[in-house]
Amino acid sequence: MSLIRLENVTKLYDPDLILDDISVSIEHGDRIGLIGRNGTGKTTLIKIINGMLANFKGKVTSAKGLRIGYLSQEPDLARDCTLRQEMLKVFEKRRALEDKMLLLAEEMETQEAPDILARYARIQEQHEQLGGYDYEHEINRILGGLGFSESDFNLPIQVLSGGQKSRATLAKLLLEAPDLLLFDEPTNHLDIKGIEWLENYLNIEYNGAVLVVSHDRYFLDKVVRKVWELAEHKIKIYRGNYSKYIETKKVEQLVGERAFKKQQAFIEHEEDFIRRNIAGQRTREAQGRRKKLERLERVDKPKPDAPTIKLNFTPETRGGNDILRCKNVGKTFDDKTIFTDLNFEVYRRDIIGIIGANGTGKTTLFRMILGEEPPTEGEMWVGPTLKFGYYAQELEGLNLDNEIIDEIWELRPQQTHGEIRSFLAKFLFLGDDVFKRIGNLSGGEQSRVLLAKLLLANANVLLLDEPTNHLDIPAREALEAALAEYPATLFIISHDRYLLNNLATKLLIFDGTPGGTANLFEGNYAEYIAEQQEHQENQQASENEQASQRSETSPQKSKSKSKRKRKIKAQRLVGSN
């Protein structure tokens, strides 16, 4: 039996139709990615599956005793306990049995009674069936995997940041190990290390089913084996991961266009014959062809892709070839060292992807480049002819009281009302949308306004701090395409590995240790992962060699061969997605 089955589900938010006659099922072990543009009803569908919405037409059937875990974008945690105490709530049954065992053990110390020993044995067996005492280790392992340090475990929930609360909610869900996990953007508050840990956990350790809404294309490639595409209120199912879905969609589009053109040519030929012969000697044949044409099942014209944002970044001035030089640069706030010993150079048209754990100083580095923070030690040289454009992760730089049109008009006061509206239409702000107050916009809409302002800056160096966080997949692809054509220099802080793989020419990798440093790697993300794997393999081989006490050492490979090997591995990594 299916874990859950939806039959003819229809949902309206009067007067708008959201879901139309949806019939799908989730089976044991399914790994499903739910794909769709922002606002198409993905979260609505998940809430129906989870039983949080009841006002809909159709039927939802669940397997008996089905346990569902739901990770929403709004964390739901108690404020009056610590992080560790919140995790321990998952194991209340086991802890209650431990209390009973402790009381019985105390009784056995004062009296020898067979019935007490038998009760103790029964409770101990129940405790072991539930997993025994391993939960303390499991809590530490999962919290650690999601980026918490041991010093965080006893922090009160109320002092945690929004991102930490989201990670804590995810940790609690994984500890509960439900039959079905419903994820709504699970990677939003994870750094790359945390995302990779989650991928590994879901692929190797978790045996239940997963339905995930995510705009993280790399994550979808690694985790899902089936894609539900939600478009025009309907769901279409595709087998395979995200890359396979994209490949299948392209083939479908091509086949659909060819079939439509072929049928249109046939119809045109038949109609021409009918016109020429309907009143002539071949009238009966023309009438027969007309009847066949009337009965012909028409191939629908392939629908064009839904509109997405249109971006074209153009620098006003070229700027110099030397962009940035860091020599032994370090930064300290009060007694806390953020990073030390940064040594690297950046040149015009470099695309620097910046990765590392949260809190290692990536955004601080941006503020130093912009001149907002001085280095505590070392020398940082910034090119004198540079004009910066800055996209802040927290969407700073927007006046929340402004209407969208006024926010843009302030940058181009010489332009007419119509010109500003035409410009905003490129960012999907149409009609009365331009009069919306920025403070009332969603995160995705605010991102589009900030991108519009960034485009108008005509900068020759762009500093982008998590630019894809609030964007759906089509908007991410449009941004990627625009940045790929940008004839200047880019610094991109991101955990979007798909973007880093497609754009970055170099990676600045923060090592994640307190007061650590960052190193520059020549290549994209896949090449970096290939090098890491090669290093681990070499290290393992060295350990095996030492363990077997071999006296001979394998000849060291040349750097060029090593680089070629990394590139081959990188191509395999990309090809496997």
Protein backbone atom coordinates (compact mmCIF):
# COMPACT_ATOMS: atom_id res chain seq x y z
CA MET A 1 0.00 0.00 0.00
CA SER A 2 1.12 3.59 -0.70
CA LEU A 3 2.22 5.72 2.22
CA ILE A 4 -0.18 8.40 1.05
CA ARG A 5 -2.45 8.82 -1.95
CA LEU A 6 -4.15 11.93 -3.33
CA GLU A 7 -7.17 11.47 -5.59
CA ASN A 8 -8.68 14.31 -7.64
CA VAL A 9 -7.51 16.99 -5.22
CA THR A 10 -8.58 20.51 -6.15
CA LYS A 11 -7.82 23.62 -4.08
CA LEU A 12 -8.97 27.20 -4.58
CA TYR A 13 -8.26 30.41 -2.73
CA ASP A 14 -11.26 32.23 -4.13
CA PRO A 15 -11.27 33.20 -6.86
CA ASP A 16 -7.85 31.74 -7.73
CA LEU A 17 -7.42 28.08 -8.68
CA ILE A 18 -4.27 26.64 -7.07
CA LEU A 19 -4.45 22.85 -7.61
CA ASP A 20 -6.65 21.22 -10.23
CA ASP A 21 -7.65 17.54 -10.06
CA ILE A 22 -4.31 16.29 -8.66
CA SER A 23 -3.92 12.50 -8.35
CA VAL A 24 -0.53 11.29 -7.11
CA SER A 25 0.90 8.86 -4.55
CA ILE A 26 3.99 8.54 -2.38
CA GLU A 27 5.40 5.04 -2.07
CA HIS A 28 7.78 3.46 0.45
CA GLY A 29 11.32 4.72 -0.17
CA ASP A 30 10.29 7.43 -2.67
CA ARG A 31 12.64 10.40 -3.04
CA ILE A 32 10.58 13.09 -4.76
CA GLY A 33 11.50 16.66 -5.70
CA LEU A 34 8.53 19.03 -6.02
CA ILE A 35 9.44 21.62 -8.66
CA GLY A 36 7.54 24.77 -9.57
CA ARG A 37 7.76 28.53 -9.71
CA ASN A 38 7.16 30.61 -6.62
CA GLY A 39 3.43 30.95 -6.01
CA THR A 40 2.31 27.84 -7.92
CA GLY A 41 1.05 26.03 -4.79
CA LYS A 42 3.94 23.81 -3.68
CA THR A 43 3.59 24.67 0.02
CA THR A 44 -0.21 24.33 -0.26
CA LEU A 45 0.19 20.81 -1.63
CA ILE A 46 2.59 19.83 1.17
CA LYS A 47 0.15 21.16 3.79
CA ILE A 48 -2.67 19.10 2.27
CA ILE A 49 -0.47 15.98 2.40
CA ASN A 50 0.41 16.75 6.02
CA GLY A 51 -3.23 17.26 7.01
CA MET A 52 -2.76 20.95 7.81
CA LEU A 53 -5.30 22.02 5.19
CA ALA A 54 -8.74 20.43 5.07
CA ASN A 55 -10.74 22.83 2.90
CA PHE A 56 -10.26 21.20 -0.50
CA LYS A 57 -12.07 18.91 -2.91
CA GLY A 58 -10.89 15.35 -3.42
CA LYS A 59 -9.56 12.59 -1.21
CA VAL A 60 -6.33 11.96 0.72
CA THR A 61 -5.67 8.42 2.02
CA SER A 62 -2.80 7.57 4.38
CA ALA A 63 -1.32 4.24 5.44
CA LYS A 64 -2.35 3.13 8.92
CA GLY A 65 -0.06 4.57 11.59
CA LEU A 66 1.82 6.75 9.11
CA ARG A 67 4.23 9.13 10.85
CA ILE A 68 4.93 12.34 8.93
CA GLY A 69 7.65 14.87 9.73
CA TYR A 70 7.24 18.36 8.24
CA LEU A 71 10.01 20.95 7.96
CA SER A 72 8.41 24.29 7.14
CA GLN A 73 10.18 27.58 6.47
CA GLU A 74 8.95 28.78 9.90
CA PRO A 75 10.66 26.92 12.81
CA ASP A 76 8.39 25.64 15.59
CA LEU A 77 10.41 25.14 18.78
CA ALA A 78 9.81 25.75 22.47
CA ARG A 79 11.51 28.92 23.73
CA ASP A 80 11.86 27.89 27.39
CA CYS A 81 14.45 25.11 27.03
CA THR A 82 17.94 24.55 25.67
CA LEU A 83 18.85 23.12 22.30
CA ARG A 84 19.79 19.76 23.84
CA GLN A 85 16.60 19.62 25.95
CA GLU A 86 14.53 20.20 22.82
CA MET A 87 16.26 17.27 21.11
CA LEU A 88 15.73 15.02 24.16
CA LYS A 89 11.95 15.50 23.85
CA VAL A 90 12.09 13.08 20.90
CA PHE A 91 13.14 10.31 23.29
CA GLU A 92 10.67 10.89 26.14
CA LYS A 93 9.41 7.28 26.02
CA ARG A 94 12.92 5.89 26.38
CA ARG A 95 13.78 8.32 29.17
CA ALA A 96 10.56 7.43 31.03
CA LEU A 97 11.54 3.75 30.87
CA GLU A 98 15.00 4.67 32.18
CA ASP A 99 13.36 6.39 35.18
CA LYS A 100 11.34 3.24 35.89
CA MET A 101 14.46 1.08 35.59
CA LEU A 102 16.29 3.37 38.02
CA LEU A 103 13.48 3.12 40.60
CA LEU A 104 13.36 -0.66 40.27
CA ALA A 105 17.16 -0.85 40.61
CA GLU A 106 16.90 1.10 43.87
CA GLU A 107 14.20 -1.31 45.10
CA MET A 108 16.39 -4.29 44.24
CA GLU A 109 19.18 -2.88 46.39
CA THR A 110 16.97 -3.08 49.50
CA GLN A 111 15.02 -6.25 48.75
CA GLU A 112 15.37 -9.37 46.65
CA ALA A 113 12.09 -10.04 44.88
CA PRO A 114 11.71 -12.12 41.70
CA ASP A 115 8.76 -9.99 40.53
CA ILE A 116 10.87 -6.78 40.65
CA LEU A 117 13.62 -8.46 38.66
CA ALA A 118 11.08 -9.68 36.10
CA ARG A 119 9.56 -6.18 35.77
CA TYR A 120 13.05 -4.72 35.35
CA ALA A 121 13.84 -7.26 32.61
CA ARG A 122 10.60 -6.47 30.74
CA ILE A 123 11.23 -2.71 30.86
CA GLN A 124 14.86 -3.19 29.85
CA GLU A 125 13.74 -5.19 26.82
CA GLN A 126 11.27 -2.44 25.81
CA HIS A 127 14.05 0.12 26.22
CA GLU A 128 16.42 -1.85 23.99
CA GLN A 129 13.73 -2.34 21.33
CA LEU A 130 13.38 1.44 21.16
CA GLY A 131 17.13 1.80 20.62
CA GLY A 132 18.61 1.73 24.11
CA TYR A 133 21.02 4.42 25.22
CA ASP A 134 22.34 5.37 21.77
CA TYR A 135 20.22 8.54 21.55
CA GLU A 136 22.79 10.73 23.32
CA HIS A 137 25.35 9.85 20.66
CA GLU A 138 22.72 10.32 17.93
CA ILE A 139 21.82 13.80 19.19
CA ASN A 140 25.47 14.85 19.24
CA ARG A 141 26.11 13.39 15.78
CA ILE A 142 23.12 14.99 14.05
CA LEU A 143 23.52 18.40 15.70
CA GLY A 144 27.22 18.31 14.79
CA GLY A 145 26.45 17.33 11.21
CA LEU A 146 24.11 20.31 10.85
CA GLY A 147 26.73 22.76 12.03
CA PHE A 148 26.24 23.04 15.81
CA SER A 149 29.26 22.91 18.11
CA GLU A 150 29.15 21.31 21.56
CA SER A 151 29.15 24.79 23.10
CA ASP A 152 25.81 25.43 21.35
CA PHE A 153 24.05 22.42 22.90
CA ASN A 154 23.17 24.20 26.15
CA LEU A 155 22.13 27.50 24.56
CA PRO A 156 18.51 28.55 25.21
CA ILE A 157 16.34 28.24 22.09
CA GLN A 158 15.29 31.87 22.41
CA VAL A 159 18.85 33.16 21.83
CA LEU A 160 19.37 31.16 18.63
CA SER A 161 19.30 32.97 15.28
CA GLY A 162 16.59 32.24 12.74
CA GLY A 163 18.99 30.05 10.76
CA GLN A 164 20.02 28.11 13.87
CA LYS A 165 16.36 27.51 14.78
CA SER A 166 15.71 26.15 11.29
CA ARG A 167 18.68 23.78 11.64
CA ALA A 168 17.49 22.74 15.11
CA THR A 169 14.04 21.93 13.72
CA LEU A 170 15.65 19.84 10.97
CA ALA A 171 17.79 18.00 13.53
CA LYS A 172 14.73 17.19 15.65
CA LEU A 173 12.90 15.83 12.59
CA LEU A 174 15.81 13.57 11.67
CA LEU A 175 15.99 12.26 15.24
CA GLU A 176 12.27 11.43 15.10
CA ALA A 177 12.91 9.31 11.96
CA PRO A 178 9.32 9.47 10.61
CA ASP A 179 8.04 7.31 7.75
CA LEU A 180 7.71 10.34 5.47
CA LEU A 181 9.73 13.55 5.54
CA LEU A 182 8.18 16.67 3.98
CA PHE A 183 10.85 19.32 3.40
CA ASP A 184 10.19 22.94 2.42
CA GLU A 185 13.57 24.43 1.44
CA PRO A 186 15.70 22.34 3.87
CA THR A 187 19.04 23.73 2.66
CA ASN A 188 18.23 27.44 3.06
CA HIS A 189 20.14 27.88 6.33
CA LEU A 190 22.85 25.26 5.82
CA ASP A 191 26.37 25.89 4.61
CA ILE A 192 27.85 23.56 1.98
CA LYS A 193 29.29 21.20 4.58
CA GLY A 194 25.88 20.90 6.27
CA ILE A 195 24.11 20.33 2.95
CA GLU A 196 26.54 17.57 2.00
CA TRP A 197 26.07 15.97 5.42
CA LEU A 198 22.28 16.02 4.94
CA GLU A 199 22.59 14.50 1.45
CA ASN A 200 24.74 11.71 2.85
CA TYR A 201 22.34 11.09 5.76
CA LEU A 202 19.28 10.88 3.50
CA ASN A 203 21.02 8.64 0.96
CA ILE A 204 22.69 6.22 3.37
CA GLU A 205 20.98 6.27 6.77
CA TYR A 206 17.36 7.34 6.36
CA ASN A 207 15.07 4.59 5.07
CA GLY A 208 11.79 6.50 4.83
CA ALA A 209 10.27 8.46 1.94
CA VAL A 210 11.12 12.11 1.17
CA LEU A 211 9.11 14.82 -0.59
CA VAL A 212 11.20 17.97 -0.88
CA VAL A 213 10.49 21.46 -2.16
CA SER A 214 13.87 22.97 -3.01
CA HIS A 215 15.49 25.42 -5.37
CA ASP A 216 18.89 23.83 -4.70
CA ARG A 217 19.49 22.02 -7.99
CA TYR A 218 22.65 20.25 -6.80
CA PHE A 219 20.79 18.91 -3.75
CA LEU A 220 17.93 17.70 -5.98
CA ASP A 221 20.43 15.93 -8.21
CA LYS A 222 22.00 14.13 -5.25
CA VAL A 223 18.84 13.16 -3.36
CA VAL A 224 15.73 12.76 -5.54
CA ARG A 225 14.86 9.92 -7.91
CA LYS A 226 11.54 11.33 -9.11
CA VAL A 227 10.37 14.86 -9.94
CA TRP A 228 6.84 16.23 -9.57
CA GLU A 229 6.52 19.32 -11.76
CA LEU A 230 3.73 21.62 -10.58
CA ALA A 231 2.69 23.97 -13.38
CA GLU A 232 -0.65 25.41 -14.44
CA HIS A 233 -2.31 23.79 -11.38
CA LYS A 234 -1.35 20.26 -12.52
CA ILE A 235 1.39 17.78 -11.60
CA LYS A 236 3.44 15.96 -14.19
CA ILE A 237 5.74 13.16 -13.00
CA TYR A 238 9.28 12.59 -14.31
CA ARG A 239 11.64 9.72 -13.44
CA GLY A 240 15.21 10.53 -12.41
CA ASN A 241 16.92 13.44 -10.67
CA TYR A 242 16.82 17.14 -11.56
CA SER A 243 19.35 16.95 -14.40
CA LYS A 244 17.44 14.04 -15.95
CA TYR A 245 14.23 16.05 -15.60
CA ILE A 246 15.78 19.00 -17.47
CA GLU A 247 17.06 16.65 -20.20
CA THR A 248 13.63 15.01 -20.57
CA LYS A 249 11.89 18.41 -20.69
CA LYS A 250 14.16 19.54 -23.53
CA VAL A 251 13.41 16.37 -25.51
CA GLU A 252 9.66 16.79 -24.85
CA GLN A 253 9.79 20.38 -26.07
CA LEU A 254 11.67 19.41 -29.22
CA VAL A 255 9.36 16.46 -30.00
CA GLY A 256 6.30 18.61 -29.31
CA GLU A 257 7.47 21.38 -31.64
CA ARG A 258 8.25 18.92 -34.44
CA ALA A 259 4.90 17.13 -34.07
CA PHE A 260 3.03 20.47 -34.10
CA LYS A 261 4.88 21.73 -37.18
CA LYS A 262 4.34 18.44 -39.02
CA GLN A 263 0.61 18.44 -38.30
CA GLN A 264 0.26 22.12 -39.22
CA ALA A 265 1.93 21.42 -42.56
CA PHE A 266 -0.46 18.49 -43.14
CA ILE A 267 -3.51 20.61 -42.21
CA GLU A 268 -2.37 23.42 -44.50
CA HIS A 269 -1.89 20.95 -47.37
CA GLU A 270 -5.33 19.40 -46.82
CA GLU A 271 -7.09 22.77 -46.51
CA ASP A 272 -5.42 23.92 -49.73
CA PHE A 273 -6.69 20.77 -51.53
CA ILE A 274 -10.20 21.31 -50.14
CA ARG A 275 -10.30 24.97 -51.28
CA ARG A 276 -9.19 24.05 -54.79
CA ASN A 277 -11.47 21.06 -55.28
CA ILE A 278 -14.62 21.59 -53.18
CA ALA A 279 -16.54 22.90 -56.21
CA GLY A 280 -14.78 20.93 -58.93
CA GLN A 281 -14.67 17.38 -60.25
CA ARG A 282 -13.11 16.06 -57.03
CA THR A 283 -15.84 17.45 -54.77
CA ARG A 284 -16.56 14.16 -53.01
CA GLU A 285 -12.87 13.62 -52.24
CA ALA A 286 -12.58 17.17 -50.91
CA GLN A 287 -15.65 16.68 -48.71
CA GLY A 288 -14.19 13.42 -47.37
CA ARG A 289 -10.92 15.11 -46.56
CA ARG A 290 -12.78 17.94 -44.82
CA LYS A 291 -14.64 15.44 -42.60
CA LYS A 292 -11.38 13.69 -41.73
CA LEU A 293 -9.83 17.04 -40.91
CA GLU A 294 -12.75 17.89 -38.63
CA ARG A 295 -12.25 14.60 -36.77
CA LEU A 296 -8.46 15.00 -36.54
CA GLU A 297 -7.12 15.17 -32.99
CA ARG A 298 -5.11 18.38 -32.95
CA VAL A 299 -1.62 18.54 -31.50
CA ASP A 300 -1.44 21.42 -29.05
CA LYS A 301 0.96 24.18 -29.84
CA PRO A 302 3.93 23.89 -27.42
CA LYS A 303 3.58 26.51 -24.73
CA PRO A 304 6.47 28.94 -24.38
CA ASP A 305 8.32 29.03 -21.09
CA ALA A 306 6.68 31.22 -18.49
CA PRO A 307 8.25 34.68 -18.31
CA THR A 308 11.24 35.11 -16.04
CA ILE A 309 13.43 38.04 -15.06
CA LYS A 310 15.56 39.59 -17.79
CA LEU A 311 19.04 40.67 -16.70
CA ASN A 312 21.94 42.26 -18.53
CA PHE A 313 24.73 43.62 -16.31
CA THR A 314 26.90 46.19 -18.09
CA PRO A 315 29.80 48.05 -16.44
CA GLU A 316 29.91 51.82 -17.02
CA THR A 317 33.71 51.88 -17.05
CA ARG A 318 36.17 49.08 -17.71
CA GLY A 319 38.29 49.46 -14.56
CA GLY A 320 41.87 48.28 -14.15
CA ASN A 321 43.29 44.79 -14.50
CA ASP A 322 44.39 44.52 -10.86
CA ILE A 323 41.33 44.21 -8.63
CA LEU A 324 42.44 43.06 -5.17
CA ARG A 325 45.64 42.09 -3.33
CA CYS A 326 45.63 40.64 0.17
CA LYS A 327 48.91 40.17 2.03
CA ASN A 328 48.76 38.57 5.49
CA VAL A 329 45.32 40.11 6.04
CA GLY A 330 43.52 39.38 9.31
CA LYS A 331 40.40 40.67 11.07
CA THR A 332 39.55 40.72 14.77
CA PHE A 333 36.48 42.08 16.58
CA ASP A 334 37.31 42.81 20.24
CA ASP A 335 38.89 39.56 21.46
CA LYS A 336 37.45 37.37 18.67
CA THR A 337 39.67 36.63 15.70
CA ILE A 338 37.56 36.11 12.58
CA PHE A 339 40.34 35.10 10.18
CA THR A 340 44.09 35.54 9.74
CA ASP A 341 46.79 35.34 7.09
CA LEU A 342 44.73 35.88 3.92
CA ASN A 343 47.08 35.90 0.93
CA PHE A 344 45.64 36.04 -2.58
CA GLU A 345 45.24 38.25 -5.66
CA VAL A 346 42.25 38.86 -7.92
CA TYR A 347 42.36 40.13 -11.49
CA ARG A 348 39.82 41.56 -13.92
CA ARG A 349 37.19 39.03 -15.12
CA ASP A 350 38.00 36.57 -12.36
CA ILE A 351 34.88 34.94 -10.94
CA ILE A 352 35.64 34.12 -7.31
CA GLY A 353 33.27 31.72 -5.56
CA ILE A 354 33.58 32.08 -1.79
CA ILE A 355 32.65 29.11 0.40
CA GLY A 356 33.03 28.12 4.03
CA ALA A 357 31.09 27.50 7.21
CA ASN A 358 28.70 30.14 8.55
CA GLY A 359 30.50 32.68 10.73
CA THR A 360 33.97 32.29 9.20
CA GLY A 361 34.12 35.87 7.91
CA LYS A 362 32.92 35.73 4.30
CA THR A 363 30.57 38.74 4.61
CA THR A 364 33.19 40.55 6.74
CA LEU A 365 35.61 40.21 3.82
CA PHE A 366 33.05 41.91 1.54
CA ARG A 367 32.70 44.81 3.99
CA MET A 368 36.48 45.17 4.03
CA ILE A 369 36.65 45.25 0.21
CA LEU A 370 33.94 47.96 0.23
CA GLY A 371 35.97 49.98 2.75
CA GLU A 372 33.38 49.63 5.51
CA GLU A 373 35.77 47.67 7.76
CA PRO A 374 39.57 48.06 7.98
CA PRO A 375 41.86 45.03 8.29
CA THR A 376 43.24 44.47 11.78
CA GLU A 377 46.51 43.19 10.36
CA GLY A 378 48.22 42.89 7.02
CA GLU A 379 47.72 44.89 3.84
CA MET A 380 44.63 44.97 1.61
CA TRP A 381 44.96 46.84 -1.69
CA VAL A 382 41.81 47.59 -3.73
CA GLY A 383 41.98 48.91 -7.30
CA PRO A 384 41.41 52.69 -7.52
CA THR A 385 39.16 52.75 -10.60
CA LEU A 386 36.61 50.21 -9.38
CA LYS A 387 32.87 50.80 -9.09
CA PHE A 388 31.24 48.24 -6.81
CA GLY A 389 27.76 46.77 -6.89
CA TYR A 390 26.78 44.97 -3.67
CA TYR A 391 23.96 42.46 -3.16
CA ALA A 392 23.55 41.86 0.59
CA GLN A 393 22.27 38.52 1.90
CA GLU A 394 19.86 40.24 4.30
CA LEU A 395 18.51 42.36 1.41
CA GLU A 396 19.97 45.55 2.85
CA GLY A 397 19.82 48.67 0.73
CA LEU A 398 16.04 48.68 0.29
CA ASN A 399 13.77 51.37 1.74
CA LEU A 400 10.93 49.28 3.13
CA ASP A 401 8.56 52.29 3.12
CA ASN A 402 9.05 52.98 -0.58
CA GLU A 403 6.84 51.68 -3.35
CA ILE A 404 8.75 49.61 -5.91
CA ILE A 405 8.50 52.27 -8.60
CA ASP A 406 9.84 54.99 -6.29
CA GLU A 407 12.76 52.80 -5.18
CA ILE A 408 13.90 52.55 -8.81
CA TRP A 409 12.95 56.09 -9.81
CA GLU A 410 15.34 57.47 -7.18
CA LEU A 411 18.20 55.96 -9.20
CA ARG A 412 16.92 57.21 -12.56
CA PRO A 413 14.98 60.46 -11.83
CA GLN A 414 15.43 61.67 -15.41
CA GLN A 415 13.40 58.76 -16.84
CA THR A 416 9.66 58.87 -17.46
CA HIS A 417 6.98 56.95 -15.56
CA GLY A 418 6.50 54.68 -18.57
CA GLU A 419 10.24 53.95 -18.90
CA ILE A 420 10.50 52.94 -15.25
CA ARG A 421 7.45 50.65 -15.59
CA SER A 422 8.91 49.04 -18.71
CA PHE A 423 12.18 48.45 -16.86
CA LEU A 424 10.37 46.87 -13.88
CA ALA A 425 8.43 44.58 -16.24
CA LYS A 426 11.76 42.82 -16.93
CA PHE A 427 11.68 41.81 -13.26
CA LEU A 428 8.07 40.58 -13.49
CA PHE A 429 6.55 43.62 -11.75
CA LEU A 430 3.54 44.23 -13.97
CA GLY A 431 0.50 46.49 -13.73
CA ASP A 432 -0.27 47.67 -10.21
CA ASP A 433 2.56 45.50 -8.80
CA VAL A 434 4.89 48.49 -9.20
CA PHE A 435 2.94 50.34 -6.49
CA LYS A 436 3.45 47.64 -3.84
CA ARG A 437 5.23 48.73 -0.66
CA ILE A 438 8.63 47.04 -0.43
CA GLY A 439 8.08 46.12 3.21
CA ASN A 440 5.06 44.04 2.16
CA LEU A 441 6.92 42.04 -0.50
CA SER A 442 8.05 38.42 -0.16
CA GLY A 443 11.74 37.58 0.06
CA GLY A 444 11.77 36.59 -3.62
CA GLU A 445 10.12 39.87 -4.68
CA GLN A 446 12.55 41.94 -2.60
CA SER A 447 15.40 40.01 -4.23
CA ARG A 448 14.13 41.03 -7.65
CA VAL A 449 13.98 44.72 -6.62
CA LEU A 450 17.56 44.51 -5.32
CA LEU A 451 18.70 42.88 -8.56
CA ALA A 452 17.00 45.67 -10.49
CA LYS A 453 18.94 48.26 -8.47
CA LEU A 454 22.15 46.29 -8.94
CA LEU A 455 21.66 46.28 -12.70
CA LEU A 456 21.29 50.06 -12.71
CA ALA A 457 24.54 50.50 -10.77
CA ASN A 458 26.60 49.72 -13.92
CA ALA A 459 29.36 48.40 -11.65
CA ASN A 460 32.61 46.84 -12.88
CA VAL A 461 32.93 44.63 -9.77
CA LEU A 462 29.95 42.80 -8.28
CA LEU A 463 29.92 41.51 -4.70
CA LEU A 464 27.06 39.02 -4.34
CA ASP A 465 26.22 37.56 -0.92
CA GLU A 466 23.93 34.52 -1.38
CA PRO A 467 22.22 36.04 -4.45
CA THR A 468 20.07 32.96 -5.19
CA ASN A 469 18.64 32.45 -1.68
CA HIS A 470 15.14 33.79 -2.38
CA LEU A 471 14.94 33.03 -6.10
CA ASP A 472 13.08 30.16 -7.76
CA ILE A 473 14.90 27.96 -10.26
CA PRO A 474 14.00 29.90 -13.46
CA ALA A 475 15.14 33.16 -11.82
CA ARG A 476 18.38 31.47 -10.70
CA GLU A 477 19.01 30.30 -14.25
CA ALA A 478 18.34 33.80 -15.62
CA LEU A 479 20.77 35.28 -13.07
CA GLU A 480 23.41 32.66 -13.95
CA ALA A 481 23.10 33.41 -17.66
CA ALA A 482 23.44 37.17 -17.06
CA LEU A 483 26.46 36.77 -14.79
CA ALA A 484 28.14 34.43 -17.29
CA GLU A 485 27.96 37.26 -19.88
CA TYR A 486 29.13 39.96 -17.44
CA PRO A 487 32.42 41.37 -18.81
CA ALA A 488 34.00 42.28 -15.47
CA THR A 489 34.82 40.81 -12.04
CA LEU A 490 32.59 38.80 -9.69
CA PHE A 491 32.85 37.81 -6.03
CA ILE A 492 30.07 35.37 -5.08
CA ILE A 493 29.41 34.06 -1.58
CA SER A 494 27.09 31.11 -2.12
CA HIS A 495 26.14 27.61 -1.06
CA ASP A 496 24.48 27.14 -4.46
CA ARG A 497 26.91 24.56 -5.81
CA TYR A 498 25.17 24.47 -9.19
CA LEU A 499 25.91 28.18 -9.64
CA LEU A 500 29.49 27.82 -8.37
CA ASN A 501 30.06 24.93 -10.75
CA ASN A 502 28.77 26.83 -13.77
CA LEU A 503 30.37 30.22 -13.05
CA ALA A 504 33.37 30.18 -10.71
CA THR A 505 36.87 30.24 -12.19
CA LYS A 506 38.43 30.26 -8.70
CA LEU A 507 37.26 29.36 -5.20
CA LEU A 508 38.23 31.16 -2.00
CA ILE A 509 37.75 28.50 0.67
CA PHE A 510 37.49 29.49 4.34
CA ASP A 511 38.78 26.58 6.41
CA GLY A 512 36.10 26.83 9.11
CA THR A 513 38.39 26.81 12.15
CA PRO A 514 38.07 29.63 14.73
CA GLY A 515 40.44 32.38 13.68
CA GLY A 516 41.37 30.34 10.61
CA THR A 517 42.36 31.41 7.14
CA ALA A 518 41.19 31.04 3.53
CA ASN A 519 42.97 29.60 0.50
CA LEU A 520 42.48 30.26 -3.19
CA PHE A 521 41.80 27.26 -5.44
CA GLU A 522 42.11 27.46 -9.24
CA GLY A 523 39.00 25.82 -10.68
CA ASN A 524 35.27 25.36 -10.16
CA TYR A 525 33.42 23.47 -7.46
CA ALA A 526 33.46 20.05 -9.16
CA GLU A 527 37.22 20.32 -9.68
CA TYR A 528 37.66 21.25 -6.02
CA ILE A 529 35.63 18.20 -4.90
CA ALA A 530 37.67 16.00 -7.25
CA GLU A 531 40.89 17.29 -5.66
CA GLN A 532 39.50 16.65 -2.17
CA GLN A 533 38.61 13.08 -3.13
CA GLU A 534 42.03 12.55 -4.67
CA HIS A 535 43.65 13.85 -1.49
CA GLN A 536 41.55 11.50 0.66
CA GLU A 537 42.37 8.54 -1.59
CA ASN A 538 46.09 9.34 -1.42
CA GLN A 539 45.88 9.75 2.35
CA GLN A 540 44.06 6.42 2.68
CA ALA A 541 46.61 4.73 0.46
CA SER A 542 49.40 6.17 2.59
CA GLU A 543 47.75 4.94 5.80
CA ASN A 544 47.25 1.48 4.27
CA GLU A 545 50.87 1.44 3.23
CA GLN A 546 52.04 2.31 6.73
CA ALA A 547 49.72 -0.26 8.26
CA SER A 548 51.16 -3.03 6.07
CA GLN A 549 54.71 -1.75 6.80
CA ARG A 550 55.70 -1.52 3.18
CA SER A 551 59.15 -0.15 2.61
CA GLU A 552 58.61 1.05 -0.94
CA THR A 553 56.71 4.23 -1.71
CA SER A 554 54.82 4.83 -4.92
CA PRO A 555 56.38 7.47 -7.20
CA GLN A 556 54.91 10.91 -6.76
CA LYS A 557 52.75 11.94 -9.65
CA SER A 558 53.50 15.14 -11.46
CA LYS A 559 51.34 18.19 -10.77
CA SER A 560 50.10 18.25 -14.37
CA LYS A 561 48.95 14.61 -14.20
CA SER A 562 47.29 15.30 -10.87
CA LYS A 563 45.42 18.29 -12.35
CA ARG A 564 44.30 16.21 -15.37
CA LYS A 565 43.05 13.52 -12.98
CA ARG A 566 41.07 16.13 -11.03
CA LYS A 567 39.48 17.44 -14.22
CA ILE A 568 38.45 13.91 -15.26
CA LYS A 569 36.92 13.35 -11.81
CA ALA A 570 35.18 16.72 -11.97
CA GLN A 571 33.65 15.81 -15.34
CA ARG A 572 32.43 12.52 -13.86
CA LEU A 573 30.93 14.34 -10.88
CA VAL A 574 29.07 16.77 -13.14
CA GLY A 575 28.02 13.96 -15.49
CA SER A 576 26.59 11.91 -12.62
CA ASN A 577 24.26 14.73 -11.59
